[in-house]
Protein backbone atom coordinates (compact mmCIF):
# COMPACT_ATOMS: atom_id res chain seq x y z
CA MET A 1 94.81 87.60 -82.23
CA LYS A 2 94.36 87.20 -86.30
CA LYS A 3 96.88 84.08 -86.00
CA LYS A 4 94.54 82.53 -83.46
CA LYS A 5 91.33 83.29 -85.19
CA LYS A 6 92.69 81.08 -88.29
CA LYS A 7 94.23 78.67 -86.28
CA ASN A 8 91.03 78.03 -84.50
CA LYS A 9 88.96 77.72 -87.79
CA ILE A 10 91.66 75.55 -89.23
CA LYS A 11 91.15 73.18 -85.68
CA ILE A 12 87.36 73.55 -86.39
CA LYS A 13 87.61 72.54 -90.00
CA LYS A 14 89.60 69.54 -89.00
CA ILE A 15 86.86 68.57 -86.25
CA ILE A 16 84.28 69.01 -88.54
CA LYS A 17 85.70 66.79 -91.24
CA LYS A 18 86.87 64.00 -88.62
CA SER A 19 83.28 64.09 -87.30
CA ILE A 20 81.81 64.11 -90.99
CA GLY A 21 84.07 61.03 -91.96
CA LYS A 22 83.00 59.09 -88.80
CA ILE A 23 79.46 59.86 -89.77
CA LYS A 24 79.97 58.75 -93.11
CA LYS A 25 81.54 55.40 -91.79
CA ASN A 26 79.04 54.82 -89.56
CA ILE A 27 76.33 55.51 -92.64
CA LYS A 28 78.13 52.89 -94.39
CA LEU A 29 78.73 50.28 -92.08
CA LYS A 30 75.41 50.68 -91.40
CA ILE A 31 74.67 50.21 -95.18
CA SER A 32 77.02 47.34 -95.50
CA ASN A 33 75.46 45.68 -92.24
CA ASN A 34 71.49 45.82 -93.53
CA LYS A 35 72.86 44.32 -96.97
CA GLU A 36 73.93 41.50 -94.87
CA GLU A 37 71.27 41.18 -92.90
CA ILE A 38 68.60 41.49 -96.28
CA GLN A 39 71.24 38.85 -97.66
CA LYS A 40 70.81 36.71 -94.54
CA ARG A 41 67.05 36.98 -94.84
CA LYS A 42 66.50 36.64 -98.63
CA SER A 43 68.64 33.42 -97.52
CA SER A 44 66.58 31.99 -94.90
CA TYR A 45 63.76 32.82 -96.86
CA SER A 46 64.92 30.60 -100.10
CA ALA A 47 65.32 27.87 -97.89
CA GLU A 48 62.25 28.31 -96.26
CA GLU A 49 60.44 28.21 -99.71
CA LYS A 50 62.84 25.16 -100.19
CA ILE A 51 61.46 23.70 -97.70
CA GLU A 52 58.24 23.91 -97.92
CA ILE A 53 58.50 22.84 -101.71
CA LYS A 54 59.93 19.67 -100.66
CA LYS A 55 57.20 19.37 -98.17
CA ILE A 56 54.31 19.93 -100.61
CA LYS A 57 55.96 17.06 -103.16
CA LYS A 58 55.83 14.75 -100.43
CA GLN A 59 52.23 15.05 -99.39
CA ALA A 60 50.95 15.76 -102.56
CA THR A 61 50.68 11.53 -103.29
CA GLU A 62 48.02 10.98 -106.11
CA LYS A 63 45.76 8.55 -105.04
CA ARG A 64 46.16 4.87 -106.26
CA ARG A 65 44.08 4.19 -109.65
CA TYR A 66 43.33 0.60 -110.76
CA ASN A 67 41.81 -0.88 -113.78
CA ILE A 68 38.65 -2.86 -114.88
CA LYS A 69 40.21 -6.34 -114.43
CA ASP A 70 42.95 -5.69 -111.79
CA PHE A 71 42.79 -7.79 -108.43
CA VAL A 72 42.32 -5.91 -105.48
CA VAL A 73 41.76 -6.95 -101.53
CA TYR A 74 38.50 -5.60 -99.96
CA PRO A 75 39.04 -6.55 -96.37
CA LYS A 76 36.20 -8.01 -94.99
CA HIS A 77 35.13 -9.65 -98.26
CA GLY A 78 39.22 -10.82 -99.63
CA VAL A 79 39.89 -10.60 -103.10
CA GLY A 80 37.72 -9.34 -105.79
CA LYS A 81 38.19 -8.69 -109.77
CA ILE A 82 37.51 -4.41 -110.76
CA ILE A 83 34.54 -5.62 -113.43
CA ALA A 84 34.13 -1.46 -114.06
CA VAL A 85 34.83 2.18 -113.85
CA GLU A 86 31.42 3.95 -113.35
CA LYS A 87 30.25 7.62 -112.89
CA ALA A 88 26.89 7.97 -110.98
CA THR A 89 25.32 11.75 -110.59
CA ILE A 90 24.27 11.96 -106.75
CA GLY A 91 22.60 15.22 -105.35
CA GLN A 92 24.02 17.19 -108.10
CA ILE A 93 27.95 15.44 -107.10
CA ASP A 94 29.45 13.69 -109.59
CA ILE A 95 30.77 10.46 -108.76
CA GLN A 96 32.96 8.25 -109.91
CA PHE A 97 32.93 3.84 -108.40
CA TYR A 98 34.22 0.91 -108.59
CA LYS A 99 31.99 -2.23 -109.20
CA ILE A 100 33.93 -5.41 -107.76
CA PHE A 101 32.81 -8.86 -107.88
CA ILE A 102 34.19 -11.33 -105.32
CA GLU A 103 33.72 -14.39 -106.55
CA LYS A 104 33.92 -17.09 -103.27
CA GLU A 105 30.76 -14.84 -102.28
CA LYS A 106 29.24 -13.70 -105.44
CA LEU A 107 28.41 -10.50 -104.26
CA THR A 108 29.23 -7.26 -106.12
CA LEU A 109 30.33 -4.06 -104.19
CA THR A 110 30.02 -1.07 -105.36
CA VAL A 111 33.04 1.60 -103.75
CA PRO A 112 33.76 5.10 -104.51
CA ILE A 113 37.01 6.11 -105.86
CA ASN A 114 37.69 8.62 -103.43
CA GLN A 115 36.57 5.59 -100.78
CA GLN A 116 39.55 3.78 -102.36
CA ILE A 117 41.55 3.63 -98.71
CA ASN A 118 39.28 0.44 -98.43
CA LEU A 119 41.01 -1.41 -101.30
CA ARG A 120 44.64 -2.68 -101.35
CA PRO A 121 46.74 -4.22 -104.09
CA ILE A 122 46.80 -8.21 -104.14
CA SER A 123 50.39 -8.66 -102.50
CA THR A 124 53.52 -9.37 -104.66
CA ILE A 125 55.35 -13.15 -104.94
CA ASN A 126 57.87 -12.25 -102.18
CA GLN A 127 54.80 -11.66 -99.80
CA ILE A 128 53.09 -15.43 -100.86
CA ASN A 129 56.67 -17.13 -100.04
CA LYS A 130 56.60 -14.69 -96.79
CA CYS A 131 53.25 -16.33 -95.94
CA VAL A 132 54.14 -19.68 -96.76
CA SER A 133 57.12 -19.40 -94.19
CA ILE A 134 54.31 -17.90 -91.51
CA LEU A 135 52.59 -21.17 -92.49
CA LYS A 136 55.15 -23.27 -91.81
CA SER A 137 56.22 -21.98 -88.32
CA LYS A 138 54.77 -23.49 -85.14
CA PRO A 139 51.28 -21.98 -83.84
CA LYS A 140 51.29 -19.70 -81.14
CA ILE A 141 49.04 -21.31 -78.40
CA LYS A 142 47.04 -19.06 -76.07
CA ARG A 143 45.72 -19.74 -73.18
CA THR A 144 43.32 -16.71 -72.79
CA MET A 145 39.35 -18.01 -73.19
CA TRP A 146 37.95 -19.03 -76.86
CA SER A 147 35.66 -16.08 -77.23
CA ARG A 148 38.38 -14.19 -76.68
CA ARG A 149 40.34 -15.03 -78.81
CA ALA A 150 37.96 -15.68 -81.72
CA GLN A 151 37.21 -11.93 -82.00
CA GLU A 152 40.78 -11.66 -81.90
CA TYR A 153 41.11 -13.91 -85.02
CA ASP A 154 37.62 -12.61 -86.53
CA GLN A 155 39.56 -9.08 -86.33
CA LYS A 156 42.79 -10.16 -87.46
CA ILE A 157 40.95 -11.61 -90.78
CA ASN A 158 38.59 -8.66 -91.55
CA SER A 159 42.05 -6.58 -91.09
CA GLY A 160 43.05 -7.48 -94.81
CA LYS A 161 46.58 -7.85 -93.64
CA ILE A 162 48.00 -11.11 -95.56
CA TYR A 163 50.19 -11.44 -93.24
CA GLU A 164 47.71 -11.77 -90.16
CA LEU A 165 45.86 -13.54 -92.69
CA ALA A 166 48.12 -16.46 -92.41
CA GLU A 167 48.66 -16.30 -88.83
CA VAL A 168 45.23 -17.11 -87.96
CA VAL A 169 45.48 -19.73 -90.15
CA LYS A 170 48.93 -21.40 -89.05
CA ASP A 171 47.28 -20.62 -85.01
CA LEU A 172 43.61 -22.97 -85.95
CA ASN A 173 45.53 -25.66 -88.38
CA LYS A 174 45.10 -29.09 -87.06
CA ASN A 175 46.76 -31.10 -89.06
CA THR A 176 44.95 -34.30 -88.51
CA ASP A 177 41.20 -35.41 -90.21
CA ILE A 178 39.46 -35.93 -87.07
CA ILE A 179 37.09 -33.31 -86.79
CA ALA A 180 36.61 -33.52 -82.97
CA ASP A 181 40.46 -32.18 -82.16
CA GLN A 182 38.64 -28.58 -83.45
CA SER A 183 34.77 -27.06 -82.42
CA TYR A 184 32.58 -25.85 -84.81
CA SER A 185 33.63 -21.88 -84.27
CA GLU A 186 36.92 -23.26 -84.70
CA ARG A 187 36.29 -24.71 -87.71
CA GLN A 188 34.43 -21.97 -89.02
CA LEU A 189 37.51 -19.14 -88.36
CA PHE A 190 39.58 -21.68 -89.67
CA GLU A 191 37.67 -21.99 -93.39
CA LYS A 192 37.14 -18.46 -93.29
CA ALA A 193 40.50 -17.46 -93.02
CA TYR A 194 41.83 -20.87 -95.10
CA GLU A 195 39.53 -19.82 -98.23
CA ARG A 196 40.79 -16.35 -97.67
CA LEU A 197 43.92 -16.36 -98.16
CA LYS A 198 43.45 -19.22 -100.76
CA SER A 199 41.60 -16.55 -103.08
CA GLU A 200 44.88 -14.23 -102.82
CA PHE A 201 47.12 -17.27 -103.51
CA GLU A 202 45.49 -17.88 -106.37
CA ALA A 203 44.90 -14.39 -107.58
CA VAL A 204 48.68 -13.99 -107.76
CA MET A 205 50.18 -17.54 -108.72
CA LYS A 206 47.78 -17.50 -111.40
CA THR A 207 47.41 -21.24 -111.09
CA ASN A 208 44.79 -23.62 -110.66
CA PRO A 209 43.38 -24.06 -107.31
CA ASP A 210 44.08 -27.70 -106.87
CA GLU A 211 47.80 -26.39 -107.50
CA VAL A 212 47.44 -23.82 -104.78
CA GLN A 213 45.54 -25.90 -101.95
CA ARG A 214 48.48 -28.48 -102.26
CA LYS A 215 51.27 -25.89 -101.79
CA MET A 216 49.47 -24.33 -98.81
CA ASP A 217 48.45 -27.80 -97.13
CA LYS A 218 52.20 -28.61 -97.22
CA ALA A 219 53.00 -25.63 -95.76
CA LEU A 220 50.72 -26.48 -92.68
CA GLY A 221 51.57 -30.27 -93.03
CA ARG A 222 48.36 -31.30 -93.10
CA ASN A 223 47.34 -35.23 -93.64
CA LYS A 224 46.83 -36.09 -97.54
CA ASN A 225 43.82 -36.97 -97.46
CA LEU A 226 42.07 -34.12 -94.99
CA SER A 227 39.57 -32.00 -96.90
CA LEU A 228 37.68 -28.81 -95.87
CA GLU A 229 34.48 -30.35 -96.92
CA GLN A 230 34.39 -32.73 -94.54
């Protein structure tokens, strides 16, 4: 009987050891799994943080700042020159603004710096060369009513986009000196677009107005005797 009791005790001890061993293994597995999960979460968090940082960097672009004597384009009026950067207090709020002189219209504009989305820098020489290529291309002839076309042309002129301006000049160009070939409203829109484009050519090329006009008229194939003042 005593031997049997001893054997039973030994068996019980072995069973207890095995069960304790299994429990320890399970605990170790859980701990290691938890560690792996925590590490995965950390890496995913860091990846998310990196993505967020990249997004912030891309979004945090400062608005362009212009200086005195810089040329800019205000879509509804064309090329202007910044003559001053001033401050004013309106309703207890300090506001900075540009003073822009539009020489062609003898007009001075006041544009708050926080509204400079309405401004753009003058074109590059490459963009001017692209405009010359547009002027040399064939005009697009539309069969729609003139009133609708006139509205489209006016929108393009006031868009502030130099390529659209060049397209209006090209489409409304009549390479002839006969005024009857062009209606009064056509001529008005053409002159407006032509002068607007010419002023930007002058600002970019930094040359005299006569030289710019010769370059534009040559691209348009206009007669030598043709003048906008007719």
